Amino acid sequence: SRLYRCDTGDILFDGRSLLKVPRHRIAGIGIGRTFQNLALFRTM
């Protein structure tokens, strides 16, 4: 999700390195995520 940076190695998504993708673009390139602890807007 690009919340952490890798110290070594690489991660390729559809042949493209995720390490070069800004974290705010991750959803836009096609990666969705849920969280271990709910991260919802509870009053909405």
ModelCIF file with pLDDT and N, C-alpha, C, O atoms, coordinates in Angstrom:
data_MODEL
#
_entry.id   MODEL 
#
_entity.id                         1 
_entity.type                       polymer 
_entity.pdbx_number_of_molecules   1 
#
_entity_poly.entity_id                      1 
_entity_poly.type                           'polypeptide(L)' 
_entity_poly.nstd_linkage                   no 
_entity_poly.nstd_monomer                   no 
_entity_poly.pdbx_seq_one_letter_code       SRLYRCDTGDILFDGRSLLKVPRHRIAGIGIGRTFQNLALFRTM 
_entity_poly.pdbx_seq_one_letter_code_can   SRLYRCDTGDILFDGRSLLKVPRHRIAGIGIGRTFQNLALFRTM 
_entity_poly.pdbx_strand_id                 A 
#
loop_
_entity_poly_seq.entity_id 
_entity_poly_seq.num 
_entity_poly_seq.mon_id 
_entity_poly_seq.hetero 
1 1  SER n 
1 2  ARG n 
1 3  LEU n 
1 4  TYR n 
1 5  ARG n 
1 6  CYS n 
1 7  ASP n 
1 8  THR n 
1 9  GLY n 
1 10 ASP n 
1 11 ILE n 
1 12 LEU n 
1 13 PHE n 
1 14 ASP n 
1 15 GLY n 
1 16 ARG n 
1 17 SER n 
1 18 LEU n 
1 19 LEU n 
1 20 LYS n 
1 21 VAL n 
1 22 PRO n 
1 23 ARG n 
1 24 HIS n 
1 25 ARG n 
1 26 ILE n 
1 27 ALA n 
1 28 GLY n 
1 29 ILE n 
1 30 GLY n 
1 31 ILE n 
1 32 GLY n 
1 33 ARG n 
1 34 THR n 
1 35 PHE n 
1 36 GLN n 
1 37 ASN n 
1 38 LEU n 
1 39 ALA n 
1 40 LEU n 
1 41 PHE n 
1 42 ARG n 
1 43 THR n 
1 44 MET n 
#
_struct_asym.id          A 
_struct_asym.entity_id   1 
#
loop_
_ma_qa_metric.id 
_ma_qa_metric.mode 
_ma_qa_metric.name 
_ma_qa_metric.software_group_id 
_ma_qa_metric.type 
1 global pLDDT . pLDDT 
2 local  pLDDT . pLDDT 
#
_ma_qa_metric_global.metric_id      1 
_ma_qa_metric_global.metric_value   89.93 
_ma_qa_metric_global.model_id       1 
_ma_qa_metric_global.ordinal_id     1 
#
loop_
_ma_qa_metric_local.label_asym_id 
_ma_qa_metric_local.label_comp_id 
_ma_qa_metric_local.label_seq_id 
_ma_qa_metric_local.metric_id 
_ma_qa_metric_local.metric_value 
_ma_qa_metric_local.model_id 
_ma_qa_metric_local.ordinal_id 
A SER 1  2 91.00 1 1  
A ARG 2  2 92.00 1 2  
A LEU 3  2 91.00 1 3  
A TYR 4  2 92.00 1 4  
A ARG 5  2 91.00 1 5  
A CYS 6  2 93.00 1 6  
A ASP 7  2 94.00 1 7  
A THR 8  2 96.00 1 8  
A GLY 9  2 96.00 1 9  
A ASP 10 2 97.00 1 10 
A ILE 11 2 97.00 1 11 
A LEU 12 2 96.00 1 12 
A PHE 13 2 96.00 1 13 
A ASP 14 2 93.00 1 14 
A GLY 15 2 92.00 1 15 
A ARG 16 2 92.00 1 16 
A SER 17 2 95.00 1 17 
A LEU 18 2 94.00 1 18 
A LEU 19 2 92.00 1 19 
A LYS 20 2 88.00 1 20 
A VAL 21 2 91.00 1 21 
A PRO 22 2 90.00 1 22 
A ARG 23 2 88.00 1 23 
A HIS 24 2 87.00 1 24 
A ARG 25 2 89.00 1 25 
A ILE 26 2 91.00 1 26 
A ALA 27 2 87.00 1 27 
A GLY 28 2 88.00 1 28 
A ILE 29 2 92.00 1 29 
A GLY 30 2 92.00 1 30 
A ILE 31 2 94.00 1 31 
A GLY 32 2 92.00 1 32 
A ARG 33 2 90.00 1 33 
A THR 34 2 90.00 1 34 
A PHE 35 2 84.00 1 35 
A GLN 36 2 77.00 1 36 
A ASN 37 2 76.00 1 37 
A LEU 38 2 78.00 1 38 
A ALA 39 2 77.00 1 39 
A LEU 40 2 86.00 1 40 
A PHE 41 2 82.00 1 41 
A ARG 42 2 87.00 1 42 
A THR 43 2 89.00 1 43 
A MET 44 2 92.00 1 44 
#
loop_
_atom_site.group_PDB 
_atom_site.id 
_atom_site.type_symbol 
_atom_site.label_atom_id 
_atom_site.label_alt_id 
_atom_site.label_comp_id 
_atom_site.label_asym_id 
_atom_site.label_entity_id 
_atom_site.label_seq_id 
_atom_site.pdbx_PDB_ins_code 
_atom_site.Cartn_x 
_atom_site.Cartn_y 
_atom_site.Cartn_z 
_atom_site.occupancy 
_atom_site.B_iso_or_equiv 
_atom_site.pdbx_formal_charge 
_atom_site.auth_seq_id 
_atom_site.auth_comp_id 
_atom_site.auth_asym_id 
_atom_site.auth_atom_id 
_atom_site.pdbx_PDB_model_num 
ATOM 1   N N  . SER A 1 1  ? 0.818   -1.215 0.000   1.00 91.00 ? 1  SER A N  1 
ATOM 2   C CA . SER A 1 1  ? 0.000   0.000  0.000   1.00 91.00 ? 1  SER A CA 1 
ATOM 3   C C  . SER A 1 1  ? 0.849   1.261  0.000   1.00 91.00 ? 1  SER A C  1 
ATOM 4   O O  . SER A 1 1  ? 0.311   2.367  -0.054  1.00 91.00 ? 1  SER A O  1 
ATOM 5   N N  . ARG A 1 2  ? 2.173   1.110  0.060   1.00 92.00 ? 2  ARG A N  1 
ATOM 6   C CA . ARG A 1 2  ? 3.140   2.212  0.105   1.00 92.00 ? 2  ARG A CA 1 
ATOM 7   C C  . ARG A 1 2  ? 3.072   3.001  1.407   1.00 92.00 ? 2  ARG A C  1 
ATOM 8   O O  . ARG A 1 2  ? 3.551   4.132  1.479   1.00 92.00 ? 2  ARG A O  1 
ATOM 9   N N  . LEU A 1 3  ? 2.469   2.392  2.448   1.00 91.00 ? 3  LEU A N  1 
ATOM 10  C CA . LEU A 1 3  ? 2.496   3.022  3.771   1.00 91.00 ? 3  LEU A CA 1 
ATOM 11  C C  . LEU A 1 3  ? 3.879   2.868  4.393   1.00 91.00 ? 3  LEU A C  1 
ATOM 12  O O  . LEU A 1 3  ? 4.324   3.731  5.150   1.00 91.00 ? 3  LEU A O  1 
ATOM 13  N N  . TYR A 1 4  ? 4.561   1.762  4.073   1.00 92.00 ? 4  TYR A N  1 
ATOM 14  C CA . TYR A 1 4  ? 5.945   1.542  4.483   1.00 92.00 ? 4  TYR A CA 1 
ATOM 15  C C  . TYR A 1 4  ? 6.829   1.520  3.245   1.00 92.00 ? 4  TYR A C  1 
ATOM 16  O O  . TYR A 1 4  ? 6.376   1.206  2.145   1.00 92.00 ? 4  TYR A O  1 
ATOM 17  N N  . ARG A 1 5  ? 8.082   1.855  3.443   1.00 91.00 ? 5  ARG A N  1 
ATOM 18  C CA . ARG A 1 5  ? 9.075   1.764  2.373   1.00 91.00 ? 5  ARG A CA 1 
ATOM 19  C C  . ARG A 1 5  ? 9.906   0.501  2.547   1.00 91.00 ? 5  ARG A C  1 
ATOM 20  O O  . ARG A 1 5  ? 10.262  0.127  3.665   1.00 91.00 ? 5  ARG A O  1 
ATOM 21  N N  . CYS A 1 6  ? 10.210  -0.150 1.430   1.00 93.00 ? 6  CYS A N  1 
ATOM 22  C CA . CYS A 1 6  ? 11.093  -1.310 1.464   1.00 93.00 ? 6  CYS A CA 1 
ATOM 23  C C  . CYS A 1 6  ? 12.540  -0.832 1.588   1.00 93.00 ? 6  CYS A C  1 
ATOM 24  O O  . CYS A 1 6  ? 12.949  0.109  0.907   1.00 93.00 ? 6  CYS A O  1 
ATOM 25  N N  . ASP A 1 7  ? 13.303  -1.481 2.455   1.00 94.00 ? 7  ASP A N  1 
ATOM 26  C CA . ASP A 1 7  ? 14.727  -1.169 2.549   1.00 94.00 ? 7  ASP A CA 1 
ATOM 27  C C  . ASP A 1 7  ? 15.512  -1.847 1.429   1.00 94.00 ? 7  ASP A C  1 
ATOM 28  O O  . ASP A 1 7  ? 16.503  -1.314 0.932   1.00 94.00 ? 7  ASP A O  1 
ATOM 29  N N  . THR A 1 8  ? 15.048  -3.030 1.047   1.00 96.00 ? 8  THR A N  1 
ATOM 30  C CA . THR A 1 8  ? 15.674  -3.756 -0.062  1.00 96.00 ? 8  THR A CA 1 
ATOM 31  C C  . THR A 1 8  ? 14.585  -4.407 -0.900  1.00 96.00 ? 8  THR A C  1 
ATOM 32  O O  . THR A 1 8  ? 13.453  -4.574 -0.446  1.00 96.00 ? 8  THR A O  1 
ATOM 33  N N  . GLY A 1 9  ? 14.940  -4.774 -2.133  1.00 96.00 ? 9  GLY A N  1 
ATOM 34  C CA . GLY A 1 9  ? 14.018  -5.488 -2.997  1.00 96.00 ? 9  GLY A CA 1 
ATOM 35  C C  . GLY A 1 9  ? 13.084  -4.577 -3.775  1.00 96.00 ? 9  GLY A C  1 
ATOM 36  O O  . GLY A 1 9  ? 13.266  -3.360 -3.809  1.00 96.00 ? 9  GLY A O  1 
ATOM 37  N N  . ASP A 1 10 ? 12.091  -5.175 -4.393  1.00 97.00 ? 10 ASP A N  1 
ATOM 38  C CA . ASP A 1 10 ? 11.157  -4.441 -5.233  1.00 97.00 ? 10 ASP A CA 1 
ATOM 39  C C  . ASP A 1 10 ? 9.819   -5.165 -5.227  1.00 97.00 ? 10 ASP A C  1 
ATOM 40  O O  . ASP A 1 10 ? 9.748   -6.354 -4.916  1.00 97.00 ? 10 ASP A O  1 
ATOM 41  N N  . ILE A 1 11 ? 8.759   -4.441 -5.572  1.00 97.00 ? 11 ILE A N  1 
ATOM 42  C CA . ILE A 1 11 ? 7.421   -5.006 -5.709  1.00 97.00 ? 11 ILE A CA 1 
ATOM 43  C C  . ILE A 1 11 ? 6.883   -4.558 -7.060  1.00 97.00 ? 11 ILE A C  1 
ATOM 44  O O  . ILE A 1 11 ? 6.785   -3.361 -7.328  1.00 97.00 ? 11 ILE A O  1 
ATOM 45  N N  . LEU A 1 12 ? 6.534   -5.516 -7.906  1.00 96.00 ? 12 LEU A N  1 
ATOM 46  C CA . LEU A 1 12 ? 6.045   -5.218 -9.248  1.00 96.00 ? 12 LEU A CA 1 
ATOM 47  C C  . LEU A 1 12 ? 4.555   -5.527 -9.341  1.00 96.00 ? 12 LEU A C  1 
ATOM 48  O O  . LEU A 1 12 ? 4.112   -6.614 -8.970  1.00 96.00 ? 12 LEU A O  1 
ATOM 49  N N  . PHE A 1 13 ? 3.794   -4.566 -9.835  1.00 96.00 ? 13 PHE A N  1 
ATOM 50  C CA . PHE A 1 13 ? 2.360   -4.735 -10.055 1.00 96.00 ? 13 PHE A CA 1 
ATOM 51  C C  . PHE A 1 13 ? 2.084   -4.506 -11.529 1.00 96.00 ? 13 PHE A C  1 
ATOM 52  O O  . PHE A 1 13 ? 2.272   -3.403 -12.041 1.00 96.00 ? 13 PHE A O  1 
ATOM 53  N N  . ASP A 1 14 ? 1.638   -5.549 -12.206 1.00 93.00 ? 14 ASP A N  1 
ATOM 54  C CA . ASP A 1 14 ? 1.457   -5.483 -13.666 1.00 93.00 ? 14 ASP A CA 1 
ATOM 55  C C  . ASP A 1 14 ? 2.743   -5.039 -14.350 1.00 93.00 ? 14 ASP A C  1 
ATOM 56  O O  . ASP A 1 14 ? 2.705   -4.286 -15.323 1.00 93.00 ? 14 ASP A O  1 
ATOM 57  N N  . GLY A 1 15 ? 3.874   -5.501 -13.844 1.00 92.00 ? 15 GLY A N  1 
ATOM 58  C CA . GLY A 1 15 ? 5.169   -5.199 -14.430 1.00 92.00 ? 15 GLY A CA 1 
ATOM 59  C C  . GLY A 1 15 ? 5.755   -3.856 -14.058 1.00 92.00 ? 15 GLY A C  1 
ATOM 60  O O  . GLY A 1 15 ? 6.836   -3.501 -14.528 1.00 92.00 ? 15 GLY A O  1 
ATOM 61  N N  . ARG A 1 16 ? 5.059   -3.103 -13.222 1.00 92.00 ? 16 ARG A N  1 
ATOM 62  C CA . ARG A 1 16 ? 5.494   -1.756 -12.844 1.00 92.00 ? 16 ARG A CA 1 
ATOM 63  C C  . ARG A 1 16 ? 5.901   -1.741 -11.375 1.00 92.00 ? 16 ARG A C  1 
ATOM 64  O O  . ARG A 1 16 ? 5.195   -2.286 -10.527 1.00 92.00 ? 16 ARG A O  1 
ATOM 65  N N  . SER A 1 17 ? 7.027   -1.125 -11.077 1.00 95.00 ? 17 SER A N  1 
ATOM 66  C CA . SER A 1 17 ? 7.498   -1.060 -9.700  1.00 95.00 ? 17 SER A CA 1 
ATOM 67  C C  . SER A 1 17 ? 6.594   -0.157 -8.868  1.00 95.00 ? 17 SER A C  1 
ATOM 68  O O  . SER A 1 17 ? 6.376   1.006  -9.208  1.00 95.00 ? 17 SER A O  1 
ATOM 69  N N  . LEU A 1 18 ? 6.069   -0.709 -7.769  1.00 94.00 ? 18 LEU A N  1 
ATOM 70  C CA . LEU A 1 18 ? 5.251   0.091  -6.862  1.00 94.00 ? 18 LEU A CA 1 
ATOM 71  C C  . LEU A 1 18 ? 6.082   1.111  -6.084  1.00 94.00 ? 18 LEU A C  1 
ATOM 72  O O  . LEU A 1 18 ? 5.542   2.088  -5.564  1.00 94.00 ? 18 LEU A O  1 
ATOM 73  N N  . LEU A 1 19 ? 7.381   0.885  -6.005  1.00 92.00 ? 19 LEU A N  1 
ATOM 74  C CA . LEU A 1 19 ? 8.231   1.776  -5.221  1.00 92.00 ? 19 LEU A CA 1 
ATOM 75  C C  . LEU A 1 19 ? 8.317   3.168  -5.848  1.00 92.00 ? 19 LEU A C  1 
ATOM 76  O O  . LEU A 1 19 ? 8.746   4.126  -5.204  1.00 92.00 ? 19 LEU A O  1 
ATOM 77  N N  . LYS A 1 20 ? 7.906   3.264  -7.108  1.00 88.00 ? 20 LYS A N  1 
ATOM 78  C CA . LYS A 1 20 ? 7.920   4.554  -7.794  1.00 88.00 ? 20 LYS A CA 1 
ATOM 79  C C  . LYS A 1 20 ? 6.541   5.216  -7.835  1.00 88.00 ? 20 LYS A C  1 
ATOM 80  O O  . LYS A 1 20 ? 6.378   6.295  -8.405  1.00 88.00 ? 20 LYS A O  1 
ATOM 81  N N  . VAL A 1 21 ? 5.559   4.560  -7.229  1.00 91.00 ? 21 VAL A N  1 
ATOM 82  C CA . VAL A 1 21 ? 4.195   5.070  -7.249  1.00 91.00 ? 21 VAL A CA 1 
ATOM 83  C C  . VAL A 1 21 ? 3.899   5.788  -5.928  1.00 91.00 ? 21 VAL A C  1 
ATOM 84  O O  . VAL A 1 21 ? 4.053   5.186  -4.865  1.00 91.00 ? 21 VAL A O  1 
ATOM 85  N N  . PRO A 1 22 ? 3.478   7.063  -5.966  1.00 90.00 ? 22 PRO A N  1 
ATOM 86  C CA . PRO A 1 22 ? 3.105   7.755  -4.722  1.00 90.00 ? 22 PRO A CA 1 
ATOM 87  C C  . PRO A 1 22 ? 1.956   7.021  -4.040  1.00 90.00 ? 22 PRO A C  1 
ATOM 88  O O  . PRO A 1 22 ? 1.094   6.452  -4.708  1.00 90.00 ? 22 PRO A O  1 
ATOM 89  N N  . ARG A 1 23 ? 1.946   7.035  -2.718  1.00 88.00 ? 23 ARG A N  1 
ATOM 90  C CA . ARG A 1 23 ? 0.940   6.267  -1.995  1.00 88.00 ? 23 ARG A CA 1 
ATOM 91  C C  . ARG A 1 23 ? -0.487  6.704  -2.330  1.00 88.00 ? 23 ARG A C  1 
ATOM 92  O O  . ARG A 1 23 ? -1.407  5.887  -2.284  1.00 88.00 ? 23 ARG A O  1 
ATOM 93  N N  . HIS A 1 24 ? -0.684  7.993  -2.670  1.00 87.00 ? 24 HIS A N  1 
ATOM 94  C CA . HIS A 1 24 ? -2.039  8.442  -2.972  1.00 87.00 ? 24 HIS A CA 1 
ATOM 95  C C  . HIS A 1 24 ? -2.497  7.990  -4.360  1.00 87.00 ? 24 HIS A C  1 
ATOM 96  O O  . HIS A 1 24 ? -3.644  8.226  -4.739  1.00 87.00 ? 24 HIS A O  1 
ATOM 97  N N  . ARG A 1 25 ? -1.607  7.343  -5.122  1.00 89.00 ? 25 ARG A N  1 
ATOM 98  C CA . ARG A 1 25 ? -1.976  6.823  -6.441  1.00 89.00 ? 25 ARG A CA 1 
ATOM 99  C C  . ARG A 1 25 ? -2.225  5.311  -6.426  1.00 89.00 ? 25 ARG A C  1 
ATOM 100 O O  . ARG A 1 25 ? -2.597  4.742  -7.452  1.00 89.00 ? 25 ARG A O  1 
ATOM 101 N N  . ILE A 1 26 ? -2.030  4.669  -5.306  1.00 91.00 ? 26 ILE A N  1 
ATOM 102 C CA . ILE A 1 26 ? -2.134  3.210  -5.243  1.00 91.00 ? 26 ILE A CA 1 
ATOM 103 C C  . ILE A 1 26 ? -3.537  2.729  -5.616  1.00 91.00 ? 26 ILE A C  1 
ATOM 104 O O  . ILE A 1 26 ? -3.680  1.794  -6.404  1.00 91.00 ? 26 ILE A O  1 
ATOM 105 N N  . ALA A 1 27 ? -4.565  3.356  -5.058  1.00 87.00 ? 27 ALA A N  1 
ATOM 106 C CA . ALA A 1 27 ? -5.935  2.953  -5.397  1.00 87.00 ? 27 ALA A CA 1 
ATOM 107 C C  . ALA A 1 27 ? -6.209  3.180  -6.873  1.00 87.00 ? 27 ALA A C  1 
ATOM 108 O O  . ALA A 1 27 ? -6.901  2.385  -7.510  1.00 87.00 ? 27 ALA A O  1 
ATOM 109 N N  . GLY A 1 28 ? -5.669  4.262  -7.419  1.00 88.00 ? 28 GLY A N  1 
ATOM 110 C CA . GLY A 1 28 ? -5.912  4.607  -8.806  1.00 88.00 ? 28 GLY A CA 1 
ATOM 111 C C  . GLY A 1 28 ? -5.320  3.626  -9.805  1.00 88.00 ? 28 GLY A C  1 
ATOM 112 O O  . GLY A 1 28 ? -5.844  3.476  -10.908 1.00 88.00 ? 28 GLY A O  1 
ATOM 113 N N  . ILE A 1 29 ? -4.230  2.953  -9.432  1.00 92.00 ? 29 ILE A N  1 
ATOM 114 C CA . ILE A 1 29 ? -3.627  1.991  -10.368 1.00 92.00 ? 29 ILE A CA 1 
ATOM 115 C C  . ILE A 1 29 ? -4.259  0.609  -10.249 1.00 92.00 ? 29 ILE A C  1 
ATOM 116 O O  . ILE A 1 29 ? -3.945  -0.293 -11.027 1.00 92.00 ? 29 ILE A O  1 
ATOM 117 N N  . GLY A 1 30 ? -5.159  0.443  -9.264  1.00 92.00 ? 30 GLY A N  1 
ATOM 118 C CA . GLY A 1 30 ? -5.906  -0.815 -9.212  1.00 92.00 ? 30 GLY A CA 1 
ATOM 119 C C  . GLY A 1 30 ? -5.657  -1.687 -8.008  1.00 92.00 ? 30 GLY A C  1 
ATOM 120 O O  . GLY A 1 30 ? -5.857  -2.899 -8.090  1.00 92.00 ? 30 GLY A O  1 
ATOM 121 N N  . ILE A 1 31 ? -5.228  -1.126 -6.888  1.00 94.00 ? 31 ILE A N  1 
ATOM 122 C CA . ILE A 1 31 ? -5.034  -1.900 -5.661  1.00 94.00 ? 31 ILE A CA 1 
ATOM 123 C C  . ILE A 1 31 ? -5.979  -1.373 -4.587  1.00 94.00 ? 31 ILE A C  1 
ATOM 124 O O  . ILE A 1 31 ? -5.887  -0.215 -4.181  1.00 94.00 ? 31 ILE A O  1 
ATOM 125 N N  . GLY A 1 32 ? -6.893  -2.238 -4.130  1.00 92.00 ? 32 GLY A N  1 
ATOM 126 C CA . GLY A 1 32 ? -7.817  -1.889 -3.056  1.00 92.00 ? 32 GLY A CA 1 
ATOM 127 C C  . GLY A 1 32 ? -7.476  -2.664 -1.808  1.00 92.00 ? 32 GLY A C  1 
ATOM 128 O O  . GLY A 1 32 ? -6.872  -3.735 -1.877  1.00 92.00 ? 32 GLY A O  1 
ATOM 129 N N  . ARG A 1 33 ? -7.869  -2.115 -0.642  1.00 90.00 ? 33 ARG A N  1 
ATOM 130 C CA . ARG A 1 33 ? -7.466  -2.752 0.610   1.00 90.00 ? 33 ARG A CA 1 
ATOM 131 C C  . ARG A 1 33 ? -8.514  -2.562 1.702   1.00 90.00 ? 33 ARG A C  1 
ATOM 132 O O  . ARG A 1 33 ? -9.169  -1.523 1.791   1.00 90.00 ? 33 ARG A O  1 
ATOM 133 N N  . THR A 1 34 ? -8.653  -3.600 2.534   1.00 90.00 ? 34 THR A N  1 
ATOM 134 C CA . THR A 1 34 ? -9.338  -3.459 3.810   1.00 90.00 ? 34 THR A CA 1 
ATOM 135 C C  . THR A 1 34 ? -8.277  -3.536 4.898   1.00 90.00 ? 34 THR A C  1 
ATOM 136 O O  . THR A 1 34 ? -7.136  -3.920 4.643   1.00 90.00 ? 34 THR A O  1 
ATOM 137 N N  . PHE A 1 35 ? -8.669  -3.162 6.128   1.00 84.00 ? 35 PHE A N  1 
ATOM 138 C CA . PHE A 1 35 ? -7.713  -3.092 7.224   1.00 84.00 ? 35 PHE A CA 1 
ATOM 139 C C  . PHE A 1 35 ? -8.098  -4.044 8.351   1.00 84.00 ? 35 PHE A C  1 
ATOM 140 O O  . PHE A 1 35 ? -9.268  -4.380 8.537   1.00 84.00 ? 35 PHE A O  1 
ATOM 141 N N  . GLN A 1 36 ? -7.072  -4.472 9.102   1.00 77.00 ? 36 GLN A N  1 
ATOM 142 C CA . GLN A 1 36 ? -7.294  -5.368 10.228  1.00 77.00 ? 36 GLN A CA 1 
ATOM 143 C C  . GLN A 1 36 ? -8.231  -4.711 11.248  1.00 77.00 ? 36 GLN A C  1 
ATOM 144 O O  . GLN A 1 36 ? -9.162  -5.345 11.745  1.00 77.00 ? 36 GLN A O  1 
ATOM 145 N N  . ASN A 1 37 ? -7.974  -3.439 11.551  1.00 76.00 ? 37 ASN A N  1 
ATOM 146 C CA . ASN A 1 37 ? -8.857  -2.650 12.401  1.00 76.00 ? 37 ASN A CA 1 
ATOM 147 C C  . ASN A 1 37 ? -9.690  -1.751 11.497  1.00 76.00 ? 37 ASN A C  1 
ATOM 148 O O  . ASN A 1 37 ? -9.149  -1.039 10.651  1.00 76.00 ? 37 ASN A O  1 
ATOM 149 N N  . LEU A 1 38 ? -10.993 -1.785 11.677  1.00 78.00 ? 38 LEU A N  1 
ATOM 150 C CA . LEU A 1 38 ? -11.889 -1.039 10.799  1.00 78.00 ? 38 LEU A CA 1 
ATOM 151 C C  . LEU A 1 38 ? -11.468 0.420  10.682  1.00 78.00 ? 38 LEU A C  1 
ATOM 152 O O  . LEU A 1 38 ? -11.162 1.071  11.681  1.00 78.00 ? 38 LEU A O  1 
ATOM 153 N N  . ALA A 1 39 ? -11.455 0.921  9.456   1.00 77.00 ? 39 ALA A N  1 
ATOM 154 C CA . ALA A 1 39 ? -11.051 2.306  9.198   1.00 77.00 ? 39 ALA A CA 1 
ATOM 155 C C  . ALA A 1 39 ? -12.178 3.038  8.474   1.00 77.00 ? 39 ALA A C  1 
ATOM 156 O O  . ALA A 1 39 ? -11.966 3.679  7.444   1.00 77.00 ? 39 ALA A O  1 
ATOM 157 N N  . LEU A 1 40 ? -13.378 2.926  9.039   1.00 86.00 ? 40 LEU A N  1 
ATOM 158 C CA . LEU A 1 40 ? -14.552 3.549  8.433   1.00 86.00 ? 40 LEU A CA 1 
ATOM 159 C C  . LEU A 1 40 ? -14.832 4.912  9.064   1.00 86.00 ? 40 LEU A C  1 
ATOM 160 O O  . LEU A 1 40 ? -14.341 5.225  10.148  1.00 86.00 ? 40 LEU A O  1 
ATOM 161 N N  . PHE A 1 41 ? -15.630 5.713  8.362   1.00 82.00 ? 41 PHE A N  1 
ATOM 162 C CA . PHE A 1 41 ? -16.130 6.971  8.915   1.00 82.00 ? 41 PHE A CA 1 
ATOM 163 C C  . PHE A 1 41 ? -17.418 6.635  9.663   1.00 82.00 ? 41 PHE A C  1 
ATOM 164 O O  . PHE A 1 41 ? -18.483 6.523  9.057   1.00 82.00 ? 41 PHE A O  1 
ATOM 165 N N  . ARG A 1 42 ? -17.317 6.478  10.963  1.00 87.00 ? 42 ARG A N  1 
ATOM 166 C CA . ARG A 1 42 ? -18.388 5.863  11.753  1.00 87.00 ? 42 ARG A CA 1 
ATOM 167 C C  . ARG A 1 42 ? -19.651 6.714  11.832  1.00 87.00 ? 42 ARG A C  1 
ATOM 168 O O  . ARG A 1 42 ? -20.741 6.168  12.002  1.00 87.00 ? 42 ARG A O  1 
ATOM 169 N N  . THR A 1 43 ? -19.536 8.031  11.714  1.00 89.00 ? 43 THR A N  1 
ATOM 170 C CA . THR A 1 43 ? -20.725 8.878  11.802  1.00 89.00 ? 43 THR A CA 1 
ATOM 171 C C  . THR A 1 43 ? -21.389 9.087  10.445  1.00 89.00 ? 43 THR A C  1 
ATOM 172 O O  . THR A 1 43 ? -22.449 9.707  10.353  1.00 89.00 ? 43 THR A O  1 
ATOM 173 N N  . MET A 1 44 ? -20.762 8.569  9.395   1.00 92.00 ? 44 MET A N  1 
ATOM 174 C CA . MET A 1 44 ? -21.337 8.688  8.058   1.00 92.00 ? 44 MET A CA 1 
ATOM 175 C C  . MET A 1 44 ? -22.164 7.459  7.728   1.00 92.00 ? 44 MET A C  1 
ATOM 176 O O  . MET A 1 44 ? -22.732 7.372  6.639   1.00 92.00 ? 44 MET A O  1 
#
